[in-house]
Full PDB file with SEQRES, HELIX, SHEET, SSBOND, CRYST1, ORIGX, SCALE, CONECT and MASTER records, all heavy atoms in Angstrom:
SEQRES   1 A   32  TYR ALA ASP GLY GLY LEU LEU GLU VAL SER GLY GLU GLY          
SEQRES   2 A   32  TYR THR PRO GLU GLY VAL PHE SER ARG ASP GLY LYS LEU          
SEQRES   3 A   32  LEU ASP VAL ALA ALA GLU                                      
HELIX    1 AA1 VAL A   29  ALA A   31  5                                   3    
SHEET    1 AA1 3 GLU A   8  VAL A   9  0                                        
SHEET    2 AA1 3 PHE A  20  ARG A  22 -1                                        
SHEET    3 AA1 3 LYS A  25  LEU A  26 -1                                        
CRYST1    1.000    1.000    1.000  90.00  90.00  90.00 P 1           1          
ORIGX1      1.000000  0.000000  0.000000        0.00000                         
ORIGX2      0.000000  1.000000  0.000000        0.00000                         
ORIGX3      0.000000  0.000000  1.000000        0.00000                         
SCALE1      1.000000  0.000000  0.000000        0.00000                         
SCALE2      0.000000  1.000000  0.000000        0.00000                         
SCALE3      0.000000  0.000000  1.000000        0.00000                         
ATOM      1  N   TYR A   1     130.185 116.805 -90.543  1.00  0.00           N  
ATOM      2  CA  TYR A   1     129.710 117.875 -91.370  1.00  0.00           C  
ATOM      3  C   TYR A   1     128.709 117.287 -92.353  1.00  0.00           C  
ATOM      4  O   TYR A   1     128.973 116.427 -93.154  1.00  0.00           O  
ATOM      5  CB  TYR A   1     130.873 118.459 -92.189  1.00  0.00           C  
ATOM      6  CG  TYR A   1     130.484 119.651 -92.997  1.00  0.00           C  
ATOM      7  CD1 TYR A   1     130.419 120.950 -92.471  1.00  0.00           C  
ATOM      8  CD2 TYR A   1     130.114 119.508 -94.369  1.00  0.00           C  
ATOM      9  CE1 TYR A   1     130.049 122.032 -93.262  1.00  0.00           C  
ATOM     10  CE2 TYR A   1     129.691 120.559 -95.124  1.00  0.00           C  
ATOM     11  CZ  TYR A   1     129.680 121.846 -94.568  1.00  0.00           C  
ATOM     12  OH  TYR A   1     129.271 122.931 -95.354  1.00  0.00           O  
ATOM     13  N   ALA A   2     127.459 117.730 -92.170  1.00  0.00           N  
ATOM     14  CA  ALA A   2     126.368 117.232 -93.012  1.00  0.00           C  
ATOM     15  C   ALA A   2     125.279 118.286 -93.153  1.00  0.00           C  
ATOM     16  O   ALA A   2     125.085 119.114 -92.288  1.00  0.00           O  
ATOM     17  CB  ALA A   2     125.739 115.953 -92.367  1.00  0.00           C  
ATOM     18  N   ASP A   3     124.599 118.287 -94.305  1.00  0.00           N  
ATOM     19  CA  ASP A   3     123.526 119.275 -94.545  1.00  0.00           C  
ATOM     20  C   ASP A   3     124.052 120.688 -94.414  1.00  0.00           C  
ATOM     21  O   ASP A   3     123.322 121.579 -93.910  1.00  0.00           O  
ATOM     22  CB  ASP A   3     122.338 119.029 -93.649  1.00  0.00           C  
ATOM     23  CG  ASP A   3     121.607 117.749 -93.993  1.00  0.00           C  
ATOM     24  OD1 ASP A   3     121.574 117.380 -95.197  1.00  0.00           O  
ATOM     25  OD2 ASP A   3     121.136 117.060 -93.070  1.00  0.00           O  
ATOM     26  N   GLY A   4     125.299 120.938 -94.821  1.00  0.00           N  
ATOM     27  CA  GLY A   4     125.844 122.295 -94.814  1.00  0.00           C  
ATOM     28  C   GLY A   4     126.199 122.811 -93.457  1.00  0.00           C  
ATOM     29  O   GLY A   4     126.422 124.038 -93.286  1.00  0.00           O  
ATOM     30  N   GLY A   5     126.323 122.003 -92.402  1.00  0.00           N  
ATOM     31  CA  GLY A   5     126.652 122.460 -91.096  1.00  0.00           C  
ATOM     32  C   GLY A   5     127.369 121.422 -90.244  1.00  0.00           C  
ATOM     33  O   GLY A   5     127.370 120.246 -90.599  1.00  0.00           O  
ATOM     34  N   LEU A   6     128.009 121.901 -89.183  1.00  0.00           N  
ATOM     35  CA  LEU A   6     128.748 121.040 -88.266  1.00  0.00           C  
ATOM     36  C   LEU A   6     127.781 120.455 -87.206  1.00  0.00           C  
ATOM     37  O   LEU A   6     126.910 121.187 -86.677  1.00  0.00           O  
ATOM     38  CB  LEU A   6     129.873 121.788 -87.568  1.00  0.00           C  
ATOM     39  CG  LEU A   6     131.148 122.016 -88.391  1.00  0.00           C  
ATOM     40  CD1 LEU A   6     132.107 122.917 -87.593  1.00  0.00           C  
ATOM     41  CD2 LEU A   6     131.824 120.701 -88.713  1.00  0.00           C  
ATOM     42  N   LEU A   7     127.952 119.182 -86.866  1.00  0.00           N  
ATOM     43  CA  LEU A   7     127.181 118.530 -85.858  1.00  0.00           C  
ATOM     44  C   LEU A   7     128.106 117.971 -84.801  1.00  0.00           C  
ATOM     45  O   LEU A   7     129.258 117.635 -85.109  1.00  0.00           O  
ATOM     46  CB  LEU A   7     126.355 117.371 -86.454  1.00  0.00           C  
ATOM     47  CG  LEU A   7     125.558 117.634 -87.699  1.00  0.00           C  
ATOM     48  CD1 LEU A   7     124.957 116.373 -88.259  1.00  0.00           C  
ATOM     49  CD2 LEU A   7     124.485 118.664 -87.438  1.00  0.00           C  
ATOM     50  N   GLU A   8     127.690 117.868 -83.545  1.00  0.00           N  
ATOM     51  CA  GLU A   8     128.481 117.326 -82.491  1.00  0.00           C  
ATOM     52  C   GLU A   8     127.924 115.924 -82.103  1.00  0.00           C  
ATOM     53  O   GLU A   8     126.700 115.651 -82.217  1.00  0.00           O  
ATOM     54  CB  GLU A   8     128.467 118.184 -81.247  1.00  0.00           C  
ATOM     55  CG  GLU A   8     129.214 119.463 -81.364  1.00  0.00           C  
ATOM     56  CD  GLU A   8     128.466 120.528 -82.159  1.00  0.00           C  
ATOM     57  OE1 GLU A   8     127.223 120.574 -81.988  1.00  0.00           O  
ATOM     58  OE2 GLU A   8     129.058 121.314 -82.879  1.00  0.00           O  
ATOM     59  N   VAL A   9     128.852 115.016 -81.693  1.00  0.00           N  
ATOM     60  CA  VAL A   9     128.504 113.694 -81.279  1.00  0.00           C  
ATOM     61  C   VAL A   9     129.061 113.479 -79.891  1.00  0.00           C  
ATOM     62  O   VAL A   9     130.276 113.707 -79.634  1.00  0.00           O  
ATOM     63  CB  VAL A   9     129.035 112.605 -82.254  1.00  0.00           C  
ATOM     64  CG1 VAL A   9     128.463 111.253 -81.808  1.00  0.00           C  
ATOM     65  CG2 VAL A   9     128.681 112.930 -83.661  1.00  0.00           C  
ATOM     66  N   SER A  10     128.274 113.036 -78.934  1.00  0.00           N  
ATOM     67  CA  SER A  10     128.760 112.764 -77.560  1.00  0.00           C  
ATOM     68  C   SER A  10     129.204 111.272 -77.461  1.00  0.00           C  
ATOM     69  O   SER A  10     128.951 110.479 -78.368  1.00  0.00           O  
ATOM     70  CB  SER A  10     127.663 113.044 -76.527  1.00  0.00           C  
ATOM     71  OG  SER A  10     126.585 112.154 -76.699  1.00  0.00           O  
ATOM     72  N   GLY A  11     129.814 110.952 -76.356  1.00  0.00           N  
ATOM     73  CA  GLY A  11     130.310 109.553 -76.106  1.00  0.00           C  
ATOM     74  C   GLY A  11     131.797 109.468 -76.291  1.00  0.00           C  
ATOM     75  O   GLY A  11     132.424 110.285 -77.008  1.00  0.00           O  
ATOM     76  N   GLU A  12     132.402 108.462 -75.648  1.00  0.00           N  
ATOM     77  CA  GLU A  12     133.823 108.274 -75.714  1.00  0.00           C  
ATOM     78  C   GLU A  12     134.165 106.807 -76.073  1.00  0.00           C  
ATOM     79  O   GLU A  12     133.353 105.898 -75.787  1.00  0.00           O  
ATOM     80  CB  GLU A  12     134.504 108.601 -74.382  1.00  0.00           C  
ATOM     81  CG  GLU A  12     134.377 110.099 -73.980  1.00  0.00           C  
ATOM     82  CD  GLU A  12     135.071 110.387 -72.684  1.00  0.00           C  
ATOM     83  OE1 GLU A  12     135.528 109.425 -72.048  1.00  0.00           O  
ATOM     84  OE2 GLU A  12     135.111 111.559 -72.280  1.00  0.00           O  
ATOM     85  N   GLY A  13     135.324 106.615 -76.605  1.00  0.00           N  
ATOM     86  CA  GLY A  13     135.790 105.269 -76.922  1.00  0.00           C  
ATOM     87  C   GLY A  13     134.950 104.550 -77.944  1.00  0.00           C  
ATOM     88  O   GLY A  13     134.297 105.170 -78.783  1.00  0.00           O  
ATOM     89  N   TYR A  14     134.890 103.212 -77.827  1.00  0.00           N  
ATOM     90  CA  TYR A  14     134.155 102.398 -78.777  1.00  0.00           C  
ATOM     91  C   TYR A  14     132.763 101.987 -78.326  1.00  0.00           C  
ATOM     92  O   TYR A  14     132.110 101.201 -78.921  1.00  0.00           O  
ATOM     93  CB  TYR A  14     134.970 101.151 -79.127  1.00  0.00           C  
ATOM     94  CG  TYR A  14     136.202 101.432 -79.893  1.00  0.00           C  
ATOM     95  CD1 TYR A  14     137.406 100.736 -79.656  1.00  0.00           C  
ATOM     96  CD2 TYR A  14     136.257 102.431 -80.853  1.00  0.00           C  
ATOM     97  CE1 TYR A  14     138.581 100.995 -80.350  1.00  0.00           C  
ATOM     98  CE2 TYR A  14     137.410 102.696 -81.593  1.00  0.00           C  
ATOM     99  CZ  TYR A  14     138.593 101.974 -81.317  1.00  0.00           C  
ATOM    100  OH  TYR A  14     139.724 102.287 -82.030  1.00  0.00           O  
ATOM    101  N   THR A  15     132.346 102.545 -77.158  1.00  0.00           N  
ATOM    102  CA  THR A  15     130.972 102.243 -76.668  1.00  0.00           C  
ATOM    103  C   THR A  15     129.945 102.942 -77.574  1.00  0.00           C  
ATOM    104  O   THR A  15     130.007 104.158 -77.725  1.00  0.00           O  
ATOM    105  CB  THR A  15     130.807 102.715 -75.205  1.00  0.00           C  
ATOM    106  OG1 THR A  15     131.820 102.118 -74.421  1.00  0.00           O  
ATOM    107  CG2 THR A  15     129.450 102.340 -74.693  1.00  0.00           C  
ATOM    108  N   PRO A  16     129.022 102.205 -78.180  1.00  0.00           N  
ATOM    109  CA  PRO A  16     128.074 102.804 -79.139  1.00  0.00           C  
ATOM    110  C   PRO A  16     126.937 103.542 -78.418  1.00  0.00           C  
ATOM    111  O   PRO A  16     125.762 103.232 -78.609  1.00  0.00           O  
ATOM    112  CB  PRO A  16     127.578 101.596 -79.928  1.00  0.00           C  
ATOM    113  CG  PRO A  16     127.673 100.488 -78.963  1.00  0.00           C  
ATOM    114  CD  PRO A  16     128.881 100.749 -78.136  1.00  0.00           C  
ATOM    115  N   GLU A  17     127.256 104.512 -77.601  1.00  0.00           N  
ATOM    116  CA  GLU A  17     126.281 105.279 -76.883  1.00  0.00           C  
ATOM    117  C   GLU A  17     126.614 106.761 -77.009  1.00  0.00           C  
ATOM    118  O   GLU A  17     127.747 107.178 -76.746  1.00  0.00           O  
ATOM    119  CB  GLU A  17     126.226 104.895 -75.370  1.00  0.00           C  
ATOM    120  CG  GLU A  17     125.816 103.437 -75.125  1.00  0.00           C  
ATOM    121  CD  GLU A  17     125.940 103.070 -73.690  1.00  0.00           C  
ATOM    122  OE1 GLU A  17     126.321 103.956 -72.853  1.00  0.00           O  
ATOM    123  OE2 GLU A  17     125.613 101.936 -73.335  1.00  0.00           O  
ATOM    124  N   GLY A  18     125.646 107.558 -77.430  1.00  0.00           N  
ATOM    125  CA  GLY A  18     125.848 108.996 -77.568  1.00  0.00           C  
ATOM    126  C   GLY A  18     124.706 109.628 -78.321  1.00  0.00           C  
ATOM    127  O   GLY A  18     123.830 108.946 -78.850  1.00  0.00           O  
ATOM    128  N   VAL A  19     124.687 110.933 -78.349  1.00  0.00           N  
ATOM    129  CA  VAL A  19     123.604 111.654 -79.056  1.00  0.00           C  
ATOM    130  C   VAL A  19     124.231 112.652 -80.022  1.00  0.00           C  
ATOM    131  O   VAL A  19     125.357 113.055 -79.919  1.00  0.00           O  
ATOM    132  CB  VAL A  19     122.714 112.386 -78.042  1.00  0.00           C  
ATOM    133  CG1 VAL A  19     122.012 111.380 -77.134  1.00  0.00           C  
ATOM    134  CG2 VAL A  19     123.550 113.372 -77.195  1.00  0.00           C  
ATOM    135  N   PHE A  20     123.378 113.012 -81.038  1.00  0.00           N  
ATOM    136  CA  PHE A  20     123.814 113.985 -82.042  1.00  0.00           C  
ATOM    137  C   PHE A  20     123.122 115.329 -81.755  1.00  0.00           C  
ATOM    138  O   PHE A  20     121.942 115.361 -81.404  1.00  0.00           O  
ATOM    139  CB  PHE A  20     123.427 113.493 -83.470  1.00  0.00           C  
ATOM    140  CG  PHE A  20     124.057 112.219 -83.852  1.00  0.00           C  
ATOM    141  CD1 PHE A  20     123.554 110.982 -83.403  1.00  0.00           C  
ATOM    142  CD2 PHE A  20     125.178 112.206 -84.636  1.00  0.00           C  
ATOM    143  CE1 PHE A  20     124.134 109.769 -83.770  1.00  0.00           C  
ATOM    144  CE2 PHE A  20     125.800 111.015 -84.979  1.00  0.00           C  
ATOM    145  CZ  PHE A  20     125.273 109.792 -84.559  1.00  0.00           C  
ATOM    146  N   SER A  21     123.899 116.409 -81.895  1.00  0.00           N  
ATOM    147  CA  SER A  21     123.315 117.707 -81.604  1.00  0.00           C  
ATOM    148  C   SER A  21     123.934 118.785 -82.568  1.00  0.00           C  
ATOM    149  O   SER A  21     125.002 118.618 -83.120  1.00  0.00           O  
ATOM    150  CB  SER A  21     123.602 118.112 -80.139  1.00  0.00           C  
ATOM    151  OG  SER A  21     125.004 118.190 -79.896  1.00  0.00           O  
ATOM    152  N   ARG A  22     123.137 119.855 -82.683  1.00  0.00           N  
ATOM    153  CA  ARG A  22     123.607 121.028 -83.480  1.00  0.00           C  
ATOM    154  C   ARG A  22     123.335 122.269 -82.641  1.00  0.00           C  
ATOM    155  O   ARG A  22     122.183 122.506 -82.250  1.00  0.00           O  
ATOM    156  CB  ARG A  22     122.912 121.128 -84.806  1.00  0.00           C  
ATOM    157  CG  ARG A  22     123.348 122.356 -85.639  1.00  0.00           C  
ATOM    158  CD  ARG A  22     122.531 122.581 -86.887  1.00  0.00           C  
ATOM    159  NE  ARG A  22     122.754 121.553 -87.882  1.00  0.00           N  
ATOM    160  CZ  ARG A  22     121.850 120.754 -88.377  1.00  0.00           C  
ATOM    161  NH1 ARG A  22     120.586 120.865 -87.916  1.00  0.00           N  
ATOM    162  NH2 ARG A  22     122.111 119.839 -89.277  1.00  0.00           N  
ATOM    163  N   ASP A  23     124.393 122.981 -82.297  1.00  0.00           N  
ATOM    164  CA  ASP A  23     124.266 124.180 -81.442  1.00  0.00           C  
ATOM    165  C   ASP A  23     123.551 123.888 -80.123  1.00  0.00           C  
ATOM    166  O   ASP A  23     122.717 124.651 -79.624  1.00  0.00           O  
ATOM    167  CB  ASP A  23     123.471 125.297 -82.195  1.00  0.00           C  
ATOM    168  CG  ASP A  23     124.214 125.735 -83.435  1.00  0.00           C  
ATOM    169  OD1 ASP A  23     125.454 125.718 -83.453  1.00  0.00           O  
ATOM    170  OD2 ASP A  23     123.499 126.091 -84.413  1.00  0.00           O  
ATOM    171  N   GLY A  24     123.875 122.742 -79.582  1.00  0.00           N  
ATOM    172  CA  GLY A  24     123.327 122.354 -78.268  1.00  0.00           C  
ATOM    173  C   GLY A  24     121.945 121.704 -78.310  1.00  0.00           C  
ATOM    174  O   GLY A  24     121.426 121.332 -77.261  1.00  0.00           O  
ATOM    175  N   LYS A  25     121.313 121.632 -79.492  1.00  0.00           N  
ATOM    176  CA  LYS A  25     119.998 121.056 -79.606  1.00  0.00           C  
ATOM    177  C   LYS A  25     120.095 119.637 -80.176  1.00  0.00           C  
ATOM    178  O   LYS A  25     120.768 119.382 -81.157  1.00  0.00           O  
ATOM    179  CB  LYS A  25     119.111 121.917 -80.565  1.00  0.00           C  
ATOM    180  CG  LYS A  25     118.877 123.326 -80.036  1.00  0.00           C  
ATOM    181  CD  LYS A  25     118.020 124.123 -81.005  1.00  0.00           C  
ATOM    182  CE  LYS A  25     117.798 125.539 -80.513  1.00  0.00           C  
ATOM    183  NZ  LYS A  25     116.944 126.356 -81.481  1.00  0.00           N  
ATOM    184  N   LEU A  26     119.396 118.675 -79.524  1.00  0.00           N  
ATOM    185  CA  LEU A  26     119.419 117.290 -79.897  1.00  0.00           C  
ATOM    186  C   LEU A  26     118.769 117.090 -81.273  1.00  0.00           C  
ATOM    187  O   LEU A  26     117.793 117.782 -81.562  1.00  0.00           O  
ATOM    188  CB  LEU A  26     118.730 116.410 -78.866  1.00  0.00           C  
ATOM    189  CG  LEU A  26     119.368 116.386 -77.459  1.00  0.00           C  
ATOM    190  CD1 LEU A  26     118.603 115.427 -76.549  1.00  0.00           C  
ATOM    191  CD2 LEU A  26     120.830 115.987 -77.551  1.00  0.00           C  
ATOM    192  N   LEU A  27     119.326 116.194 -82.056  1.00  0.00           N  
ATOM    193  CA  LEU A  27     118.819 115.942 -83.390  1.00  0.00           C  
ATOM    194  C   LEU A  27     118.242 114.532 -83.513  1.00  0.00           C  
ATOM    195  O   LEU A  27     118.739 113.599 -82.844  1.00  0.00           O  
ATOM    196  CB  LEU A  27     119.921 116.101 -84.462  1.00  0.00           C  
ATOM    197  CG  LEU A  27     120.551 117.461 -84.602  1.00  0.00           C  
ATOM    198  CD1 LEU A  27     121.718 117.420 -85.599  1.00  0.00           C  
ATOM    199  CD2 LEU A  27     119.545 118.490 -85.002  1.00  0.00           C  
ATOM    200  N   ASP A  28     117.203 114.400 -84.293  1.00  0.00           N  
ATOM    201  CA  ASP A  28     116.678 113.078 -84.694  1.00  0.00           C  
ATOM    202  C   ASP A  28     117.309 112.680 -86.048  1.00  0.00           C  
ATOM    203  O   ASP A  28     117.086 113.352 -87.046  1.00  0.00           O  
ATOM    204  CB  ASP A  28     115.141 113.138 -84.789  1.00  0.00           C  
ATOM    205  CG  ASP A  28     114.573 111.806 -85.185  1.00  0.00           C  
ATOM    206  OD1 ASP A  28     115.286 110.813 -85.221  1.00  0.00           O  
ATOM    207  OD2 ASP A  28     113.348 111.731 -85.446  1.00  0.00           O  
ATOM    208  N   VAL A  29     118.119 111.625 -86.006  1.00  0.00           N  
ATOM    209  CA  VAL A  29     118.831 111.252 -87.216  1.00  0.00           C  
ATOM    210  C   VAL A  29     117.912 110.973 -88.383  1.00  0.00           C  
ATOM    211  O   VAL A  29     118.176 111.282 -89.538  1.00  0.00           O  
ATOM    212  CB  VAL A  29     119.760 110.018 -86.916  1.00  0.00           C  
ATOM    213  CG1 VAL A  29     120.431 109.494 -88.198  1.00  0.00           C  
ATOM    214  CG2 VAL A  29     120.783 110.311 -85.847  1.00  0.00           C  
ATOM    215  N   ALA A  30     116.774 110.338 -88.093  1.00  0.00           N  
ATOM    216  CA  ALA A  30     115.794 109.988 -89.148  1.00  0.00           C  
ATOM    217  C   ALA A  30     115.246 111.245 -89.850  1.00  0.00           C  
ATOM    218  O   ALA A  30     114.906 111.182 -91.026  1.00  0.00           O  
ATOM    219  CB  ALA A  30     114.646 109.208 -88.571  1.00  0.00           C  
ATOM    220  N   ALA A  31     115.280 112.373 -89.153  1.00  0.00           N  
ATOM    221  CA  ALA A  31     114.752 113.602 -89.727  1.00  0.00           C  
ATOM    222  C   ALA A  31     115.869 114.399 -90.390  1.00  0.00           C  
ATOM    223  O   ALA A  31     115.588 115.504 -90.881  1.00  0.00           O  
ATOM    224  CB  ALA A  31     114.092 114.456 -88.633  1.00  0.00           C  
ATOM    225  N   GLU A  32     117.029 113.909 -90.463  1.00  0.00           N  
ATOM    226  CA  GLU A  32     118.172 114.583 -91.100  1.00  0.00           C  
ATOM    227  C   GLU A  32     118.711 113.713 -92.212  1.00  0.00           C  
ATOM    228  O   GLU A  32     119.594 112.832 -92.014  1.00  0.00           O  
ATOM    229  CB  GLU A  32     119.278 114.816 -90.072  1.00  0.00           C  
ATOM    230  CG  GLU A  32     118.867 115.646 -88.849  1.00  0.00           C  
ATOM    231  CD  GLU A  32     118.776 117.125 -89.188  1.00  0.00           C  
ATOM    232  OE1 GLU A  32     119.368 117.555 -90.192  1.00  0.00           O  
ATOM    233  OE2 GLU A  32     118.040 117.828 -88.449  1.00  0.00           O  
TER     234      GLU A  32                                                      
MASTER        0    0    0    1    3    0    0    6  233    1    0    3          
END                                                                             
């Protein structure tokens, strides 16, 4: 929960691989 909304994170376990998205749209972390 950031910037007033829920975000989703993909990936499983402890592998540091995944993407951030909001409502199915990919996000650039630097722009958030």
